Amino acid sequence: MSDIRVKICGITHSADARAAIEAGADYLGFILYPKSPRYIAPEKIRDLRLEIGDSLTRSPIPNPQSPALPRFVGVFVNESVERIREILALAHLDYAQLHGDEPPALLRQLAGKAFKALRPADAEGARDAAARFAPFGLDDGPQLFIDAYHPEAYGGTGKKADWHVAADLAQRYPRLMLAGGLTPGNVAQAIRAVRPWAVDVSSGVEASPGRKDHDAVRAFIRAAHS
């Protein structure tokens, strides 16, 4: 089995979270951008985490593939550092994924708790942004997150990222998480092409925005590990 890590993002319901955990997800992502169709309130994330943790504790036969909770990641867009810290504490989140136009200084203030998502338009811009943001990534998790370029949308578009650009960055930064248009049908090809540390999927395993297709979640994780 591959040692690739997998993040299932855009979780809004406990049943979807449980399905991802049982399939072997390493990270669960929760969108805290109110304009997103996958938005979930911090209080609901808190309740979901407590519910999931309690159900795993009471399970008589733990799943050996995923015996503990994965890391919970909040996805933020252009929030203040104070608001991010408040939500991390309220929702019992492990990390913040900054998916907007945040400056490196904000990551510095969140040292050890945040990493930056980039949506580079070209290779030169990607290398420049990576050099500025990667030093403030996680020591025990993603340094950088690479998504597809879009001039207006902050992710979740289903568009494929530039794998050539991502592969170049993956050689420079060993803990790169790849997103952007990944599906059960192309994730193995993406991993071979880019050699990322982790992969992320949201719309590629959905039945509808914010609701996961559990068979697709399982297929995606199997393919990523194949």
C-alpha atoms as a PDB file:
ATOM      1  CA  MET A   1       0.000   0.000   0.000  1.00  0.00           C
ATOM      2  CA  SER A   2       1.190   3.506  -0.822  1.00  0.00           C
ATOM      3  CA  ASP A   3       2.061   5.847   2.032  1.00  0.00           C
ATOM      4  CA  ILE A   4       0.180   8.702   0.320  1.00  0.00           C
ATOM      5  CA  ARG A   5      -2.057  10.687   2.656  1.00  0.00           C
ATOM      6  CA  VAL A   6      -5.651  11.467   1.703  1.00  0.00           C
ATOM      7  CA  LYS A   7      -7.851  14.414   2.650  1.00  0.00           C
ATOM      8  CA  ILE A   8     -11.591  14.274   2.058  1.00  0.00           C
ATOM      9  CA  CYS A   9     -12.799  17.869   1.982  1.00  0.00           C
ATOM     10  CA  GLY A  10     -16.148  19.619   1.999  1.00  0.00           C
ATOM     11  CA  ILE A  11     -17.603  17.454   4.777  1.00  0.00           C
ATOM     12  CA  THR A  12     -20.962  18.717   6.057  1.00  0.00           C
ATOM     13  CA  HIS A  13     -22.602  15.624   7.606  1.00  0.00           C
ATOM     14  CA  SER A  14     -21.515  13.097  10.214  1.00  0.00           C
ATOM     15  CA  ALA A  15     -22.394  10.110   8.007  1.00  0.00           C
ATOM     16  CA  ASP A  16     -19.973  11.368   5.366  1.00  0.00           C
ATOM     17  CA  ALA A  17     -17.285  11.932   7.973  1.00  0.00           C
ATOM     18  CA  ARG A  18     -17.711   8.395   9.300  1.00  0.00           C
ATOM     19  CA  ALA A  19     -17.558   6.930   5.791  1.00  0.00           C
ATOM     20  CA  ALA A  20     -14.313   8.793   5.106  1.00  0.00           C
ATOM     21  CA  ILE A  21     -12.788   7.670   8.397  1.00  0.00           C
ATOM     22  CA  GLU A  22     -13.769   4.042   7.842  1.00  0.00           C
ATOM     23  CA  ALA A  23     -12.259   4.185   4.341  1.00  0.00           C
ATOM     24  CA  GLY A  24      -8.936   5.343   5.791  1.00  0.00           C
ATOM     25  CA  ALA A  25      -8.860   9.132   5.320  1.00  0.00           C
ATOM     26  CA  ASP A  26      -6.002  10.916   7.059  1.00  0.00           C
ATOM     27  CA  TYR A  27      -7.595  14.371   7.005  1.00  0.00           C
ATOM     28  CA  LEU A  28     -11.150  15.675   6.939  1.00  0.00           C
ATOM     29  CA  GLY A  29     -11.731  19.164   5.560  1.00  0.00           C
ATOM     30  CA  PHE A  30     -14.498  21.577   6.578  1.00  0.00           C
ATOM     31  CA  ILE A  31     -15.287  24.708   4.579  1.00  0.00           C
ATOM     32  CA  LEU A  32     -15.665  27.809   6.728  1.00  0.00           C
ATOM     33  CA  TYR A  33     -16.270  30.192   3.827  1.00  0.00           C
ATOM     34  CA  PRO A  34     -19.944  31.251   4.027  1.00  0.00           C
ATOM     35  CA  LYS A  35     -20.265  31.773   0.262  1.00  0.00           C
ATOM     36  CA  SER A  36     -19.397  28.139  -0.450  1.00  0.00           C
ATOM     37  CA  PRO A  37     -22.180  25.576  -1.065  1.00  0.00           C
ATOM     38  CA  ARG A  38     -20.139  23.319   1.235  1.00  0.00           C
ATOM     39  CA  TYR A  39     -20.092  25.768   4.143  1.00  0.00           C
ATOM     40  CA  ILE A  40     -20.505  24.333   7.638  1.00  0.00           C
ATOM     41  CA  ALA A  41     -20.858  26.364  10.837  1.00  0.00           C
ATOM     42  CA  PRO A  42     -18.097  26.048  13.460  1.00  0.00           C
ATOM     43  CA  GLU A  43     -20.604  24.845  16.065  1.00  0.00           C
ATOM     44  CA  LYS A  44     -21.712  22.022  13.784  1.00  0.00           C
ATOM     45  CA  ILE A  45     -18.082  20.943  13.255  1.00  0.00           C
ATOM     46  CA  ARG A  46     -17.611  20.866  17.036  1.00  0.00           C
ATOM     47  CA  ASP A  47     -20.710  18.726  17.521  1.00  0.00           C
ATOM     48  CA  LEU A  48     -19.751  16.443  14.632  1.00  0.00           C
ATOM     49  CA  ARG A  49     -16.257  15.885  16.016  1.00  0.00           C
ATOM     50  CA  LEU A  50     -17.577  15.063  19.460  1.00  0.00           C
ATOM     51  CA  GLU A  51     -20.184  12.711  17.975  1.00  0.00           C
ATOM     52  CA  ILE A  52     -17.654  10.921  15.763  1.00  0.00           C
ATOM     53  CA  GLY A  53     -15.117  10.605  18.562  1.00  0.00           C
ATOM     54  CA  ASP A  54     -17.701   9.195  20.935  1.00  0.00           C
ATOM     55  CA  SER A  55     -18.952   6.665  18.377  1.00  0.00           C
ATOM     56  CA  LEU A  56     -15.408   5.420  17.733  1.00  0.00           C
ATOM     57  CA  THR A  57     -14.745   5.099  21.457  1.00  0.00           C
ATOM     58  CA  ARG A  58     -17.885   3.003  21.912  1.00  0.00           C
ATOM     59  CA  SER A  59     -17.282   0.816  18.854  1.00  0.00           C
ATOM     60  CA  PRO A  60     -16.759  -2.801  20.022  1.00  0.00           C
ATOM     61  CA  ILE A  61     -14.635  -3.667  16.986  1.00  0.00           C
ATOM     62  CA  PRO A  62     -12.433  -0.721  15.930  1.00  0.00           C
ATOM     63  CA  ASN A  63     -11.514  -0.533  12.259  1.00  0.00           C
ATOM     64  CA  PRO A  64      -7.831  -1.597  12.137  1.00  0.00           C
ATOM     65  CA  GLN A  65      -7.260   0.514   9.028  1.00  0.00           C
ATOM     66  CA  SER A  66      -8.375   3.713  10.777  1.00  0.00           C
ATOM     67  CA  PRO A  67      -8.278   3.214  14.552  1.00  0.00           C
ATOM     68  CA  ALA A  68      -8.295   6.891  15.473  1.00  0.00           C
ATOM     69  CA  LEU A  69      -9.731  10.167  14.285  1.00  0.00           C
ATOM     70  CA  PRO A  70      -7.984  11.785  11.341  1.00  0.00           C
ATOM     71  CA  ARG A  71      -6.864  15.393  11.561  1.00  0.00           C
ATOM     72  CA  PHE A  72      -9.673  17.931  11.220  1.00  0.00           C
ATOM     73  CA  VAL A  73      -8.836  20.863   8.931  1.00  0.00           C
ATOM     74  CA  GLY A  74     -10.773  24.110   8.682  1.00  0.00           C
ATOM     75  CA  VAL A  75     -10.651  25.827   5.289  1.00  0.00           C
ATOM     76  CA  PHE A  76     -10.638  29.624   5.664  1.00  0.00           C
ATOM     77  CA  VAL A  77     -10.831  32.432   3.102  1.00  0.00           C
ATOM     78  CA  ASN A  78      -9.521  35.890   4.033  1.00  0.00           C
ATOM     79  CA  GLU A  79     -10.351  35.715   7.730  1.00  0.00           C
ATOM     80  CA  SER A  80      -8.442  37.617  10.428  1.00  0.00           C
ATOM     81  CA  VAL A  81      -5.946  35.751  12.577  1.00  0.00           C
ATOM     82  CA  GLU A  82      -8.144  36.403  15.618  1.00  0.00           C
ATOM     83  CA  ARG A  83     -11.185  34.879  13.947  1.00  0.00           C
ATOM     84  CA  ILE A  84      -9.204  31.854  12.744  1.00  0.00           C
ATOM     85  CA  ARG A  85      -7.890  31.197  16.245  1.00  0.00           C
ATOM     86  CA  GLU A  86     -11.382  31.575  17.684  1.00  0.00           C
ATOM     87  CA  ILE A  87     -12.874  29.059  15.237  1.00  0.00           C
ATOM     88  CA  LEU A  88     -10.009  26.580  15.633  1.00  0.00           C
ATOM     89  CA  ALA A  89     -10.687  26.497  19.370  1.00  0.00           C
ATOM     90  CA  LEU A  90     -14.495  26.503  19.125  1.00  0.00           C
ATOM     91  CA  ALA A  91     -14.711  23.768  16.471  1.00  0.00           C
ATOM     92  CA  HIS A  92     -11.893  21.615  17.920  1.00  0.00           C
ATOM     93  CA  LEU A  93      -9.981  21.835  14.632  1.00  0.00           C
ATOM     94  CA  ASP A  94      -6.395  20.678  14.331  1.00  0.00           C
ATOM     95  CA  TYR A  95      -5.274  22.937  11.484  1.00  0.00           C
ATOM     96  CA  ALA A  96      -6.261  25.883   9.325  1.00  0.00           C
ATOM     97  CA  GLN A  97      -5.963  25.719   5.549  1.00  0.00           C
ATOM     98  CA  LEU A  98      -5.764  29.293   4.231  1.00  0.00           C
ATOM     99  CA  HIS A  99      -7.390  29.333   0.822  1.00  0.00           C
ATOM    100  CA  GLY A 100      -7.750  33.045   0.109  1.00  0.00           C
ATOM    101  CA  ASP A 101      -5.377  35.959  -0.421  1.00  0.00           C
ATOM    102  CA  GLU A 102      -3.691  35.770   2.974  1.00  0.00           C
ATOM    103  CA  PRO A 103      -0.141  37.174   3.336  1.00  0.00           C
ATOM    104  CA  PRO A 104       2.802  35.153   4.698  1.00  0.00           C
ATOM    105  CA  ALA A 105       2.660  37.231   7.890  1.00  0.00           C
ATOM    106  CA  LEU A 106      -0.678  35.652   8.783  1.00  0.00           C
ATOM    107  CA  LEU A 107       0.810  32.168   8.534  1.00  0.00           C
ATOM    108  CA  ARG A 108       3.693  33.295  10.702  1.00  0.00           C
ATOM    109  CA  GLN A 109       1.196  34.309  13.372  1.00  0.00           C
ATOM    110  CA  LEU A 110      -0.426  30.864  13.140  1.00  0.00           C
ATOM    111  CA  ALA A 111       2.867  28.984  13.249  1.00  0.00           C
ATOM    112  CA  GLY A 112       2.355  25.235  13.647  1.00  0.00           C
ATOM    113  CA  LYS A 113      -1.405  25.461  13.036  1.00  0.00           C
ATOM    114  CA  ALA A 114      -1.804  26.510   9.388  1.00  0.00           C
ATOM    115  CA  PHE A 115      -0.701  25.923   5.815  1.00  0.00           C
ATOM    116  CA  LYS A 116      -1.332  27.881   2.613  1.00  0.00           C
ATOM    117  CA  ALA A 117      -3.325  26.829  -0.419  1.00  0.00           C
ATOM    118  CA  LEU A 118      -1.967  28.184  -3.712  1.00  0.00           C
ATOM    119  CA  ARG A 119      -3.837  28.556  -6.985  1.00  0.00           C
ATOM    120  CA  PRO A 120      -0.926  29.425  -9.285  1.00  0.00           C
ATOM    121  CA  ALA A 121      -1.580  30.721 -12.787  1.00  0.00           C
ATOM    122  CA  ASP A 122       1.872  29.700 -14.076  1.00  0.00           C
ATOM    123  CA  ALA A 123       5.134  28.039 -13.064  1.00  0.00           C
ATOM    124  CA  GLU A 124       6.940  31.272 -12.213  1.00  0.00           C
ATOM    125  CA  GLY A 125       4.142  32.479  -9.980  1.00  0.00           C
ATOM    126  CA  ALA A 126       3.965  29.068  -8.328  1.00  0.00           C
ATOM    127  CA  ARG A 127       7.658  29.018  -7.466  1.00  0.00           C
ATOM    128  CA  ASP A 128       7.533  32.566  -6.106  1.00  0.00           C
ATOM    129  CA  ALA A 129       4.490  31.931  -3.939  1.00  0.00           C
ATOM    130  CA  ALA A 130       5.821  28.609  -2.695  1.00  0.00           C
ATOM    131  CA  ALA A 131       9.087  30.198  -1.605  1.00  0.00           C
ATOM    132  CA  ARG A 132       7.170  32.790   0.415  1.00  0.00           C
ATOM    133  CA  PHE A 133       4.653  30.468   2.053  1.00  0.00           C
ATOM    134  CA  ALA A 134       6.273  27.036   2.458  1.00  0.00           C
ATOM    135  CA  PRO A 135       8.557  28.080   5.355  1.00  0.00           C
ATOM    136  CA  PHE A 136       5.438  28.670   7.468  1.00  0.00           C
ATOM    137  CA  GLY A 137       3.767  25.343   6.668  1.00  0.00           C
ATOM    138  CA  LEU A 138       3.312  22.510   9.126  1.00  0.00           C
ATOM    139  CA  ASP A 139       6.267  20.557  10.488  1.00  0.00           C
ATOM    140  CA  ASP A 140       4.141  17.407  10.816  1.00  0.00           C
ATOM    141  CA  GLY A 141       1.692  18.001   7.970  1.00  0.00           C
ATOM    142  CA  PRO A 142       1.346  19.826   4.664  1.00  0.00           C
ATOM    143  CA  GLN A 143       3.833  22.550   3.793  1.00  0.00           C
ATOM    144  CA  LEU A 144       1.817  23.642   0.768  1.00  0.00           C
ATOM    145  CA  PHE A 145      -1.508  22.903  -0.868  1.00  0.00           C
ATOM    146  CA  ILE A 146      -1.780  23.200  -4.661  1.00  0.00           C
ATOM    147  CA  ASP A 147      -5.173  23.761  -6.263  1.00  0.00           C
ATOM    148  CA  ALA A 148      -6.327  24.645  -9.780  1.00  0.00           C
ATOM    149  CA  TYR A 149      -6.025  28.233 -10.930  1.00  0.00           C
ATOM    150  CA  HIS A 150      -9.219  30.251 -11.111  1.00  0.00           C
ATOM    151  CA  PRO A 151      -9.284  34.062 -11.311  1.00  0.00           C
ATOM    152  CA  GLU A 152     -12.312  34.383  -9.021  1.00  0.00           C
ATOM    153  CA  ALA A 153     -13.261  31.147  -7.221  1.00  0.00           C
ATOM    154  CA  TYR A 154     -11.478  30.032  -4.037  1.00  0.00           C
ATOM    155  CA  GLY A 155     -11.367  26.312  -4.827  1.00  0.00           C
ATOM    156  CA  GLY A 156     -14.058  23.667  -5.176  1.00  0.00           C
ATOM    157  CA  THR A 157     -14.308  24.287  -8.926  1.00  0.00           C
ATOM    158  CA  GLY A 158     -13.589  20.726 -10.065  1.00  0.00           C
ATOM    159  CA  LYS A 159     -10.944  22.076 -12.436  1.00  0.00           C
ATOM    160  CA  LYS A 160      -7.696  20.109 -12.718  1.00  0.00           C
ATOM    161  CA  ALA A 161      -4.535  21.656 -11.332  1.00  0.00           C
ATOM    162  CA  ASP A 162      -1.447  21.972 -13.525  1.00  0.00           C
ATOM    163  CA  TRP A 163       0.339  18.712 -12.744  1.00  0.00           C
ATOM    164  CA  HIS A 164       3.609  19.855 -14.354  1.00  0.00           C
ATOM    165  CA  VAL A 165       3.768  22.885 -12.071  1.00  0.00           C
ATOM    166  CA  ALA A 166       2.764  20.761  -9.074  1.00  0.00           C
ATOM    167  CA  ALA A 167       5.448  18.149  -9.880  1.00  0.00           C
ATOM    168  CA  ASP A 168       8.110  20.858  -9.948  1.00  0.00           C
ATOM    169  CA  LEU A 169       7.021  22.098  -6.533  1.00  0.00           C
ATOM    170  CA  ALA A 170       6.779  18.567  -5.121  1.00  0.00           C
ATOM    171  CA  GLN A 171      10.477  18.077  -5.864  1.00  0.00           C
ATOM    172  CA  ARG A 172      11.295  21.242  -3.914  1.00  0.00           C
ATOM    173  CA  TYR A 173       8.848  20.784  -1.032  1.00  0.00           C
ATOM    174  CA  PRO A 174       8.466  17.189   0.172  1.00  0.00           C
ATOM    175  CA  ARG A 175       5.109  17.645   1.963  1.00  0.00           C
ATOM    176  CA  LEU A 176       2.938  18.987  -0.858  1.00  0.00           C
ATOM    177  CA  MET A 177      -0.794  18.269  -0.915  1.00  0.00           C
ATOM    178  CA  LEU A 178      -2.317  18.131  -4.396  1.00  0.00           C
ATOM    179  CA  ALA A 179      -5.939  19.079  -5.152  1.00  0.00           C
ATOM    180  CA  GLY A 180      -7.895  20.267  -8.149  1.00  0.00           C
ATOM    181  CA  GLY A 181     -10.152  18.065 -10.244  1.00  0.00           C
ATOM    182  CA  LEU A 182      -9.075  14.775  -8.675  1.00  0.00           C
ATOM    183  CA  THR A 183     -11.448  11.806  -8.941  1.00  0.00           C
ATOM    184  CA  PRO A 184     -11.305   8.060  -8.277  1.00  0.00           C
ATOM    185  CA  GLY A 185     -10.532   7.675 -11.974  1.00  0.00           C
ATOM    186  CA  ASN A 186      -7.508   9.983 -12.189  1.00  0.00           C
ATOM    187  CA  VAL A 187      -5.967  10.155  -8.709  1.00  0.00           C
ATOM    188  CA  ALA A 188      -3.523   7.280  -9.299  1.00  0.00           C
ATOM    189  CA  GLN A 189      -2.340   8.958 -12.514  1.00  0.00           C
ATOM    190  CA  ALA A 190      -1.961  12.271 -10.658  1.00  0.00           C
ATOM    191  CA  ILE A 191       0.136  10.643  -7.954  1.00  0.00           C
ATOM    192  CA  ARG A 192       2.419   9.036 -10.537  1.00  0.00           C
ATOM    193  CA  ALA A 193       2.811  12.343 -12.374  1.00  0.00           C
ATOM    194  CA  VAL A 194       3.272  14.687  -9.410  1.00  0.00           C
ATOM    195  CA  ARG A 195       4.616  12.499  -6.565  1.00  0.00           C
ATOM    196  CA  PRO A 196       2.815  14.538  -3.889  1.00  0.00           C
ATOM    197  CA  TRP A 197       2.893  13.824  -0.169  1.00  0.00           C
ATOM    198  CA  ALA A 198      -0.913  13.927  -0.013  1.00  0.00           C
ATOM    199  CA  VAL A 199      -3.991  14.346  -2.191  1.00  0.00           C
ATOM    200  CA  ASP A 200      -7.236  16.201  -1.536  1.00  0.00           C
ATOM    201  CA  VAL A 201     -10.681  15.697  -3.029  1.00  0.00           C
ATOM    202  CA  SER A 202     -14.042  17.382  -2.587  1.00  0.00           C
ATOM    203  CA  SER A 203     -16.313  17.636  -5.647  1.00  0.00           C
ATOM    204  CA  GLY A 204     -14.733  14.522  -7.179  1.00  0.00           C
ATOM    205  CA  VAL A 205     -16.458  12.258  -4.630  1.00  0.00           C
ATOM    206  CA  GLU A 206     -19.759  14.090  -4.239  1.00  0.00           C
ATOM    207  CA  ALA A 207     -23.329  13.043  -4.890  1.00  0.00           C
ATOM    208  CA  SER A 208     -24.221  16.759  -4.660  1.00  0.00           C
ATOM    209  CA  PRO A 209     -22.422  19.814  -3.218  1.00  0.00           C
ATOM    210  CA  GLY A 210     -21.719  19.051   0.434  1.00  0.00           C
ATOM    211  CA  ARG A 211     -22.931  15.435   0.306  1.00  0.00           C
ATOM    212  CA  LYS A 212     -20.477  12.616  -0.368  1.00  0.00           C
ATOM    213  CA  ASP A 213     -20.943   9.513  -2.473  1.00  0.00           C
ATOM    214  CA  HIS A 214     -19.603   6.924  -0.041  1.00  0.00           C
ATOM    215  CA  ASP A 215     -18.721   4.430  -2.770  1.00  0.00           C
ATOM    216  CA  ALA A 216     -16.724   7.175  -4.537  1.00  0.00           C
ATOM    217  CA  VAL A 217     -14.930   8.070  -1.291  1.00  0.00           C
ATOM    218  CA  ARG A 218     -13.884   4.452  -0.824  1.00  0.00           C
ATOM    219  CA  ALA A 219     -12.857   4.139  -4.471  1.00  0.00           C
ATOM    220  CA  PHE A 220     -10.789   7.324  -4.290  1.00  0.00           C
ATOM    221  CA  ILE A 221      -8.859   6.197  -1.232  1.00  0.00           C
ATOM    222  CA  ARG A 222      -8.297   2.719  -2.700  1.00  0.00           C
ATOM    223  CA  ALA A 223      -6.998   4.249  -5.929  1.00  0.00           C
ATOM    224  CA  ALA A 224      -4.726   6.665  -4.069  1.00  0.00           C
ATOM    225  CA  HIS A 225      -3.203   3.774  -2.140  1.00  0.00           C
ATOM    226  CA  SER A 226      -2.921   1.419  -5.102  1.00  0.00           C
END
